[in-house]
Amino acid sequence: MVKWSEWSSAWRSGKGSRNYDSVIMIGIVESDNPPLQLVMGREALQNAKDRIGPHLKDIGQWADVTISADFDETYPIEFPK
């Protein structure tokens, strides 16, 4: 089996290389802890952050209400504003 280091040195040809996506994917497959989801490139990363950010903000603001749904928790007195 070809290792990541061999592929990386053989195929990496600089910024924006079409081959580099393949090198990354091979490295992910060989890794011990591959991501469940991966975005590739600056623009894709920013788009993902822009899309996920508002959801994370809502989750954080409503965390007390969310936790209060557990049977052993007290219901919060106030909802977030």
PDB file of N, CA and C in Angstrom:
ATOM      1  N   MET A   1       0.851  -1.179   0.000  1.00  0.00           N
ATOM      2  CA  MET A   1       0.000   0.000   0.000  1.00  0.00           C
ATOM      3  C   MET A   1       0.897   1.243   0.000  1.00  0.00           C
ATOM      4  N   VAL A   2       0.538   2.217  -0.824  1.00  0.00           N
ATOM      5  CA  VAL A   2       1.278   3.470  -0.891  1.00  0.00           C
ATOM      6  C   VAL A   2       0.912   4.322   0.309  1.00  0.00           C
ATOM      7  N   LYS A   3       1.890   4.866   0.977  1.00  0.00           N
ATOM      8  CA  LYS A   3       1.661   5.688   2.174  1.00  0.00           C
ATOM      9  C   LYS A   3       1.481   7.155   1.793  1.00  0.00           C
ATOM     10  N   TRP A   4       0.836   7.871   2.715  1.00  0.00           N
ATOM     11  CA  TRP A   4       0.552   9.294   2.546  1.00  0.00           C
ATOM     12  C   TRP A   4       1.794  10.072   2.152  1.00  0.00           C
ATOM     13  N   SER A   5       2.891   9.860   2.819  1.00  0.00           N
ATOM     14  CA  SER A   5       4.101  10.638   2.551  1.00  0.00           C
ATOM     15  C   SER A   5       4.593  10.432   1.120  1.00  0.00           C
ATOM     16  N   GLU A   6       4.447   9.223   0.610  1.00  0.00           N
ATOM     17  CA  GLU A   6       4.870   8.952  -0.767  1.00  0.00           C
ATOM     18  C   GLU A   6       3.958   9.659  -1.770  1.00  0.00           C
ATOM     19  N   TRP A   7       2.663   9.587  -1.550  1.00  0.00           N
ATOM     20  CA  TRP A   7       1.725  10.270  -2.428  1.00  0.00           C
ATOM     21  C   TRP A   7       1.916  11.778  -2.363  1.00  0.00           C
ATOM     22  N   SER A   8       2.080  12.272  -1.147  1.00  0.00           N
ATOM     23  CA  SER A   8       2.198  13.712  -0.957  1.00  0.00           C
ATOM     24  C   SER A   8       3.383  14.265  -1.724  1.00  0.00           C
ATOM     25  N   SER A   9       4.522  13.633  -1.580  1.00  0.00           N
ATOM     26  CA  SER A   9       5.715  14.153  -2.253  1.00  0.00           C
ATOM     27  C   SER A   9       5.647  13.949  -3.764  1.00  0.00           C
ATOM     28  N   ALA A  10       4.980  12.904  -4.200  1.00  0.00           N
ATOM     29  CA  ALA A  10       4.909  12.616  -5.627  1.00  0.00           C
ATOM     30  C   ALA A  10       3.886  13.468  -6.361  1.00  0.00           C
ATOM     31  N   TRP A  11       2.771  13.787  -5.710  1.00  0.00           N
ATOM     32  CA  TRP A  11       1.675  14.429  -6.406  1.00  0.00           C
ATOM     33  C   TRP A  11       1.434  15.888  -6.071  1.00  0.00           C
ATOM     34  N   ARG A  12       1.892  16.349  -4.943  1.00  0.00           N
ATOM     35  CA  ARG A  12       1.606  17.739  -4.593  1.00  0.00           C
ATOM     36  C   ARG A  12       2.353  18.668  -5.533  1.00  0.00           C
ATOM     37  N   SER A  13       1.597  19.494  -6.218  1.00  0.00           N
ATOM     38  CA  SER A  13       2.235  20.374  -7.193  1.00  0.00           C
ATOM     39  C   SER A  13       1.907  21.836  -6.960  1.00  0.00           C
ATOM     40  N   GLY A  14       1.449  22.176  -5.782  1.00  0.00           N
ATOM     41  CA  GLY A  14       1.228  23.576  -5.474  1.00  0.00           C
ATOM     42  C   GLY A  14      -0.226  23.927  -5.271  1.00  0.00           C
ATOM     43  N   LYS A  15      -0.449  25.207  -4.994  1.00  0.00           N
ATOM     44  CA  LYS A  15      -1.779  25.729  -4.692  1.00  0.00           C
ATOM     45  C   LYS A  15      -2.761  25.457  -5.822  1.00  0.00           C
ATOM     46  N   GLY A  16      -3.934  24.949  -5.435  1.00  0.00           N
ATOM     47  CA  GLY A  16      -4.981  24.722  -6.411  1.00  0.00           C
ATOM     48  C   GLY A  16      -4.791  23.500  -7.288  1.00  0.00           C
ATOM     49  N   SER A  17      -3.863  22.635  -6.934  1.00  0.00           N
ATOM     50  CA  SER A  17      -3.617  21.452  -7.739  1.00  0.00           C
ATOM     51  C   SER A  17      -4.805  20.507  -7.723  1.00  0.00           C
ATOM     52  N   ARG A  18      -5.212  20.043  -8.885  1.00  0.00           N
ATOM     53  CA  ARG A  18      -6.280  19.052  -8.955  1.00  0.00           C
ATOM     54  C   ARG A  18      -5.835  17.750  -8.307  1.00  0.00           C
ATOM     55  N   ASN A  19      -4.565  17.453  -8.397  1.00  0.00           N
ATOM     56  CA  ASN A  19      -4.034  16.229  -7.806  1.00  0.00           C
ATOM     57  C   ASN A  19      -4.045  16.280  -6.287  1.00  0.00           C
ATOM     58  N   TYR A  20      -3.948  17.463  -5.714  1.00  0.00           N
ATOM     59  CA  TYR A  20      -3.843  17.572  -4.261  1.00  0.00           C
ATOM     60  C   TYR A  20      -5.110  17.106  -3.565  1.00  0.00           C
ATOM     61  N   ASP A  21      -6.280  17.321  -4.161  1.00  0.00           N
ATOM     62  CA  ASP A  21      -7.523  16.805  -3.582  1.00  0.00           C
ATOM     63  C   ASP A  21      -7.431  15.289  -3.426  1.00  0.00           C
ATOM     64  N   SER A  22      -6.896  14.631  -4.420  1.00  0.00           N
ATOM     65  CA  SER A  22      -6.730  13.175  -4.359  1.00  0.00           C
ATOM     66  C   SER A  22      -5.760  12.780  -3.262  1.00  0.00           C
ATOM     67  N   VAL A  23      -4.689  13.531  -3.126  1.00  0.00           N
ATOM     68  CA  VAL A  23      -3.701  13.259  -2.082  1.00  0.00           C
ATOM     69  C   VAL A  23      -4.349  13.391  -0.709  1.00  0.00           C
ATOM     70  N   ILE A  24      -5.146  14.429  -0.528  1.00  0.00           N
ATOM     71  CA  ILE A  24      -5.843  14.644   0.743  1.00  0.00           C
ATOM     72  C   ILE A  24      -6.777  13.474   1.027  1.00  0.00           C
ATOM     73  N   MET A  25      -7.560  13.060   0.032  1.00  0.00           N
ATOM     74  CA  MET A  25      -8.507  11.971   0.241  1.00  0.00           C
ATOM     75  C   MET A  25      -7.798  10.670   0.602  1.00  0.00           C
ATOM     76  N   ILE A  26      -6.692  10.391  -0.031  1.00  0.00           N
ATOM     77  CA  ILE A  26      -5.932   9.185   0.305  1.00  0.00           C
ATOM     78  C   ILE A  26      -5.424   9.275   1.735  1.00  0.00           C
ATOM     79  N   GLY A  27      -4.938  10.447   2.133  1.00  0.00           N
ATOM     80  CA  GLY A  27      -4.474  10.637   3.502  1.00  0.00           C
ATOM     81  C   GLY A  27      -5.592  10.438   4.505  1.00  0.00           C
ATOM     82  N   ILE A  28      -6.789  10.903   4.166  1.00  0.00           N
ATOM     83  CA  ILE A  28      -7.943  10.738   5.050  1.00  0.00           C
ATOM     84  C   ILE A  28      -8.292   9.261   5.190  1.00  0.00           C
ATOM     85  N   VAL A  29      -8.311   8.560   4.095  1.00  0.00           N
ATOM     86  CA  VAL A  29      -8.623   7.131   4.131  1.00  0.00           C
ATOM     87  C   VAL A  29      -7.619   6.381   4.997  1.00  0.00           C
ATOM     88  N   GLU A  30      -6.366   6.772   4.944  1.00  0.00           N
ATOM     89  CA  GLU A  30      -5.326   6.109   5.733  1.00  0.00           C
ATOM     90  C   GLU A  30      -5.276   6.587   7.182  1.00  0.00           C
ATOM     91  N   SER A  31      -5.978   7.657   7.517  1.00  0.00           N
ATOM     92  CA  SER A  31      -5.880   8.216   8.858  1.00  0.00           C
ATOM     93  C   SER A  31      -6.627   7.357   9.879  1.00  0.00           C
ATOM     94  N   ASP A  32      -6.241   7.503  11.133  1.00  0.00           N
ATOM     95  CA  ASP A  32      -6.879   6.767  12.226  1.00  0.00           C
ATOM     96  C   ASP A  32      -8.204   7.395  12.642  1.00  0.00           C
ATOM     97  N   ASN A  33      -8.394   8.671  12.329  1.00  0.00           N
ATOM     98  CA  ASN A  33      -9.595   9.381  12.769  1.00  0.00           C
ATOM     99  C   ASN A  33     -10.132  10.260  11.634  1.00  0.00           C
ATOM    100  N   PRO A  34     -10.705   9.638  10.596  1.00  0.00           N
ATOM    101  CA  PRO A  34     -11.189  10.443   9.468  1.00  0.00           C
ATOM    102  C   PRO A  34     -12.405  11.272   9.860  1.00  0.00           C
ATOM    103  N   PRO A  35     -12.569  12.441   9.247  1.00  0.00           N
ATOM    104  CA  PRO A  35     -13.722  13.290   9.558  1.00  0.00           C
ATOM    105  C   PRO A  35     -15.009  12.688   8.994  1.00  0.00           C
ATOM    106  N   LEU A  36     -16.115  12.977   9.659  1.00  0.00           N
ATOM    107  CA  LEU A  36     -17.409  12.561   9.122  1.00  0.00           C
ATOM    108  C   LEU A  36     -17.795  13.429   7.937  1.00  0.00           C
ATOM    109  N   GLN A  37     -17.391  14.694   7.998  1.00  0.00           N
ATOM    110  CA  GLN A  37     -17.625  15.611   6.888  1.00  0.00           C
ATOM    111  C   GLN A  37     -16.378  16.463   6.703  1.00  0.00           C
ATOM    112  N   LEU A  38     -16.062  16.765   5.473  1.00  0.00           N
ATOM    113  CA  LEU A  38     -14.884  17.562   5.172  1.00  0.00           C
ATOM    114  C   LEU A  38     -15.224  18.557   4.082  1.00  0.00           C
ATOM    115  N   VAL A  39     -14.916  19.813   4.317  1.00  0.00           N
ATOM    116  CA  VAL A  39     -15.029  20.816   3.264  1.00  0.00           C
ATOM    117  C   VAL A  39     -13.621  21.094   2.773  1.00  0.00           C
ATOM    118  N   MET A  40     -13.490  21.354   1.502  1.00  0.00           N
ATOM    119  CA  MET A  40     -12.153  21.537   0.943  1.00  0.00           C
ATOM    120  C   MET A  40     -12.059  22.885   0.245  1.00  0.00           C
ATOM    121  N   GLY A  41     -11.136  23.682   0.703  1.00  0.00           N
ATOM    122  CA  GLY A  41     -10.894  24.998   0.126  1.00  0.00           C
ATOM    123  C   GLY A  41     -11.401  26.106   1.031  1.00  0.00           C
ATOM    124  N   ARG A  42     -10.789  27.278   0.896  1.00  0.00           N
ATOM    125  CA  ARG A  42     -11.147  28.434   1.732  1.00  0.00           C
ATOM    126  C   ARG A  42     -12.606  28.848   1.575  1.00  0.00           C
ATOM    127  N   GLU A  43     -13.052  28.914   0.340  1.00  0.00           N
ATOM    128  CA  GLU A  43     -14.419  29.358   0.088  1.00  0.00           C
ATOM    129  C   GLU A  43     -15.426  28.366   0.672  1.00  0.00           C
ATOM    130  N   ALA A  44     -15.168  27.082   0.499  1.00  0.00           N
ATOM    131  CA  ALA A  44     -16.058  26.063   1.062  1.00  0.00           C
ATOM    132  C   ALA A  44     -16.070  26.136   2.582  1.00  0.00           C
ATOM    133  N   LEU A  45     -14.917  26.368   3.186  1.00  0.00           N
ATOM    134  CA  LEU A  45     -14.835  26.489   4.641  1.00  0.00           C
ATOM    135  C   LEU A  45     -15.634  27.689   5.125  1.00  0.00           C
ATOM    136  N   GLN A  46     -15.479  28.817   4.465  1.00  0.00           N
ATOM    137  CA  GLN A  46     -16.219  30.010   4.874  1.00  0.00           C
ATOM    138  C   GLN A  46     -17.721  29.815   4.698  1.00  0.00           C
ATOM    139  N   ASN A  47     -18.111  29.191   3.589  1.00  0.00           N
ATOM    140  CA  ASN A  47     -19.530  28.920   3.361  1.00  0.00           C
ATOM    141  C   ASN A  47     -20.105  28.026   4.457  1.00  0.00           C
ATOM    142  N   ALA A  48     -19.355  27.009   4.855  1.00  0.00           N
ATOM    143  CA  ALA A  48     -19.813  26.110   5.918  1.00  0.00           C
ATOM    144  C   ALA A  48     -19.940  26.862   7.238  1.00  0.00           C
ATOM    145  N   LYS A  49     -18.961  27.694   7.562  1.00  0.00           N
ATOM    146  CA  LYS A  49     -19.023  28.485   8.795  1.00  0.00           C
ATOM    147  C   LYS A  49     -20.211  29.441   8.777  1.00  0.00           C
ATOM    148  N   ASP A  50     -20.433  30.080   7.631  1.00  0.00           N
ATOM    149  CA  ASP A  50     -21.552  31.015   7.501  1.00  0.00           C
ATOM    150  C   ASP A  50     -22.894  30.306   7.688  1.00  0.00           C
ATOM    151  N   ARG A  51     -22.969  29.100   7.206  1.00  0.00           N
ATOM    152  CA  ARG A  51     -24.227  28.344   7.307  1.00  0.00           C
ATOM    153  C   ARG A  51     -24.433  27.762   8.703  1.00  0.00           C
ATOM    154  N   ILE A  52     -23.384  27.266   9.323  1.00  0.00           N
ATOM    155  CA  ILE A  52     -23.482  26.609  10.623  1.00  0.00           C
ATOM    156  C   ILE A  52     -23.517  27.625  11.763  1.00  0.00           C
ATOM    157  N   GLY A  53     -22.859  28.752  11.607  1.00  0.00           N
ATOM    158  CA  GLY A  53     -22.742  29.748  12.662  1.00  0.00           C
ATOM    159  C   GLY A  53     -24.060  30.138  13.314  1.00  0.00           C
ATOM    160  N   PRO A  54     -25.076  30.522  12.540  1.00  0.00           N
ATOM    161  CA  PRO A  54     -26.354  30.902  13.156  1.00  0.00           C
ATOM    162  C   PRO A  54     -27.002  29.750  13.939  1.00  0.00           C
ATOM    163  N   HIS A  55     -26.826  28.538  13.469  1.00  0.00           N
ATOM    164  CA  HIS A  55     -27.381  27.385  14.177  1.00  0.00           C
ATOM    165  C   HIS A  55     -26.697  27.209  15.533  1.00  0.00           C
ATOM    166  N   LEU A  56     -25.375  27.333  15.542  1.00  0.00           N
ATOM    167  CA  LEU A  56     -24.637  27.202  16.802  1.00  0.00           C
ATOM    168  C   LEU A  56     -25.015  28.308  17.779  1.00  0.00           C
ATOM    169  N   LYS A  57     -25.242  29.506  17.256  1.00  0.00           N
ATOM    170  CA  LYS A  57     -25.658  30.624  18.113  1.00  0.00           C
ATOM    171  C   LYS A  57     -27.010  30.319  18.760  1.00  0.00           C
ATOM    172  N   ASP A  58     -27.962  29.841  17.967  1.00  0.00           N
ATOM    173  CA  ASP A  58     -29.278  29.483  18.505  1.00  0.00           C
ATOM    174  C   ASP A  58     -29.170  28.367  19.548  1.00  0.00           C
ATOM    175  N   ILE A  59     -28.388  27.367  19.238  1.00  0.00           N
ATOM    176  CA  ILE A  59     -28.221  26.250  20.175  1.00  0.00           C
ATOM    177  C   ILE A  59     -27.669  26.754  21.503  1.00  0.00           C
ATOM    178  N   GLY A  60     -26.688  27.629  21.439  1.00  0.00           N
ATOM    179  CA  GLY A  60     -26.110  28.187  22.652  1.00  0.00           C
ATOM    180  C   GLY A  60     -27.090  29.032  23.443  1.00  0.00           C
ATOM    181  N   GLN A  61     -27.845  29.863  22.745  1.00  0.00           N
ATOM    182  CA  GLN A  61     -28.809  30.744  23.422  1.00  0.00           C
ATOM    183  C   GLN A  61     -29.935  29.956  24.082  1.00  0.00           C
ATOM    184  N   TRP A  62     -30.309  28.849  23.512  1.00  0.00           N
ATOM    185  CA  TRP A  62     -31.426  28.063  24.011  1.00  0.00           C
ATOM    186  C   TRP A  62     -30.975  26.829  24.802  1.00  0.00           C
ATOM    187  N   ALA A  63     -29.709  26.773  25.178  1.00  0.00           N
ATOM    188  CA  ALA A  63     -29.174  25.595  25.868  1.00  0.00           C
ATOM    189  C   ALA A  63     -29.925  25.290  27.161  1.00  0.00           C
ATOM    190  N   ASP A  64     -30.243  26.303  27.961  1.00  0.00           N
ATOM    191  CA  ASP A  64     -30.961  26.066  29.215  1.00  0.00           C
ATOM    192  C   ASP A  64     -32.347  25.457  28.966  1.00  0.00           C
ATOM    193  N   VAL A  65     -33.022  25.935  27.944  1.00  0.00           N
ATOM    194  CA  VAL A  65     -34.332  25.386  27.599  1.00  0.00           C
ATOM    195  C   VAL A  65     -34.175  23.935  27.127  1.00  0.00           C
ATOM    196  N   THR A  66     -33.160  23.700  26.320  1.00  0.00           N
ATOM    197  CA  THR A  66     -32.894  22.354  25.820  1.00  0.00           C
ATOM    198  C   THR A  66     -32.643  21.387  26.961  1.00  0.00           C
ATOM    199  N   ILE A  67     -31.783  21.780  27.900  1.00  0.00           N
ATOM    200  CA  ILE A  67     -31.448  20.923  29.044  1.00  0.00           C
ATOM    201  C   ILE A  67     -32.670  20.703  29.929  1.00  0.00           C
ATOM    202  N   SER A  68     -33.537  21.702  30.001  1.00  0.00           N
ATOM    203  CA  SER A  68     -34.719  21.570  30.856  1.00  0.00           C
ATOM    204  C   SER A  68     -35.680  20.489  30.354  1.00  0.00           C
ATOM    205  N   ALA A  69     -35.499  20.041  29.139  1.00  0.00           N
ATOM    206  CA  ALA A  69     -36.343  18.965  28.618  1.00  0.00           C
ATOM    207  C   ALA A  69     -36.037  17.627  29.289  1.00  0.00           C
ATOM    208  N   ASP A  70     -34.877  17.493  29.927  1.00  0.00           N
ATOM    209  CA  ASP A  70     -34.559  16.282  30.681  1.00  0.00           C
ATOM    210  C   ASP A  70     -35.458  16.213  31.909  1.00  0.00           C
ATOM    211  N   PHE A  71     -35.886  15.040  32.276  1.00  0.00           N
ATOM    212  CA  PHE A  71     -36.830  14.871  33.382  1.00  0.00           C
ATOM    213  C   PHE A  71     -36.286  15.362  34.713  1.00  0.00           C
ATOM    214  N   ASP A  72     -34.985  15.264  34.917  1.00  0.00           N
ATOM    215  CA  ASP A  72     -34.417  15.635  36.218  1.00  0.00           C
ATOM    216  C   ASP A  72     -33.998  17.105  36.303  1.00  0.00           C
ATOM    217  N   GLU A  73     -34.359  17.903  35.312  1.00  0.00           N
ATOM    218  CA  GLU A  73     -33.981  19.311  35.299  1.00  0.00           C
ATOM    219  C   GLU A  73     -35.184  20.214  35.569  1.00  0.00           C
ATOM    220  N   THR A  74     -34.918  21.382  36.140  1.00  0.00           N
ATOM    221  CA  THR A  74     -35.957  22.385  36.380  1.00  0.00           C
ATOM    222  C   THR A  74     -36.175  23.183  35.104  1.00  0.00           C
ATOM    223  N   TYR A  75     -37.428  23.438  34.821  1.00  0.00           N
ATOM    224  CA  TYR A  75     -37.770  24.231  33.637  1.00  0.00           C
ATOM    225  C   TYR A  75     -37.274  25.672  33.839  1.00  0.00           C
ATOM    226  N   PRO A  76     -36.635  26.261  32.843  1.00  0.00           N
ATOM    227  CA  PRO A  76     -36.143  27.638  32.998  1.00  0.00           C
ATOM    228  C   PRO A  76     -37.297  28.635  33.129  1.00  0.00           C
ATOM    229  N   ILE A  77     -37.048  29.664  33.895  1.00  0.00           N
ATOM    230  CA  ILE A  77     -38.060  30.683  34.143  1.00  0.00           C
ATOM    231  C   ILE A  77     -38.240  31.585  32.916  1.00  0.00           C
ATOM    232  N   GLU A  78     -37.157  31.925  32.254  1.00  0.00           N
ATOM    233  CA  GLU A  78     -37.231  32.839  31.107  1.00  0.00           C
ATOM    234  C   GLU A  78     -36.643  32.209  29.852  1.00  0.00           C
ATOM    235  N   PHE A  79     -37.286  32.518  28.735  1.00  0.00           N
ATOM    236  CA  PHE A  79     -36.724  32.145  27.445  1.00  0.00           C
ATOM    237  C   PHE A  79     -35.722  33.215  27.032  1.00  0.00           C
ATOM    238  N   PRO A  80     -34.760  32.847  26.178  1.00  0.00           N
ATOM    239  CA  PRO A  80     -33.817  33.857  25.685  1.00  0.00           C
ATOM    240  C   PRO A  80     -34.541  34.952  24.913  1.00  0.00           C
ATOM    241  N   LYS A  81     -33.970  36.125  24.933  1.00  0.00           N
ATOM    242  CA  LYS A  81     -34.557  37.258  24.200  1.00  0.00           C
ATOM    243  C   LYS A  81     -33.824  37.530  22.934  1.00  0.00           C
TER     244      LYS A  81
END
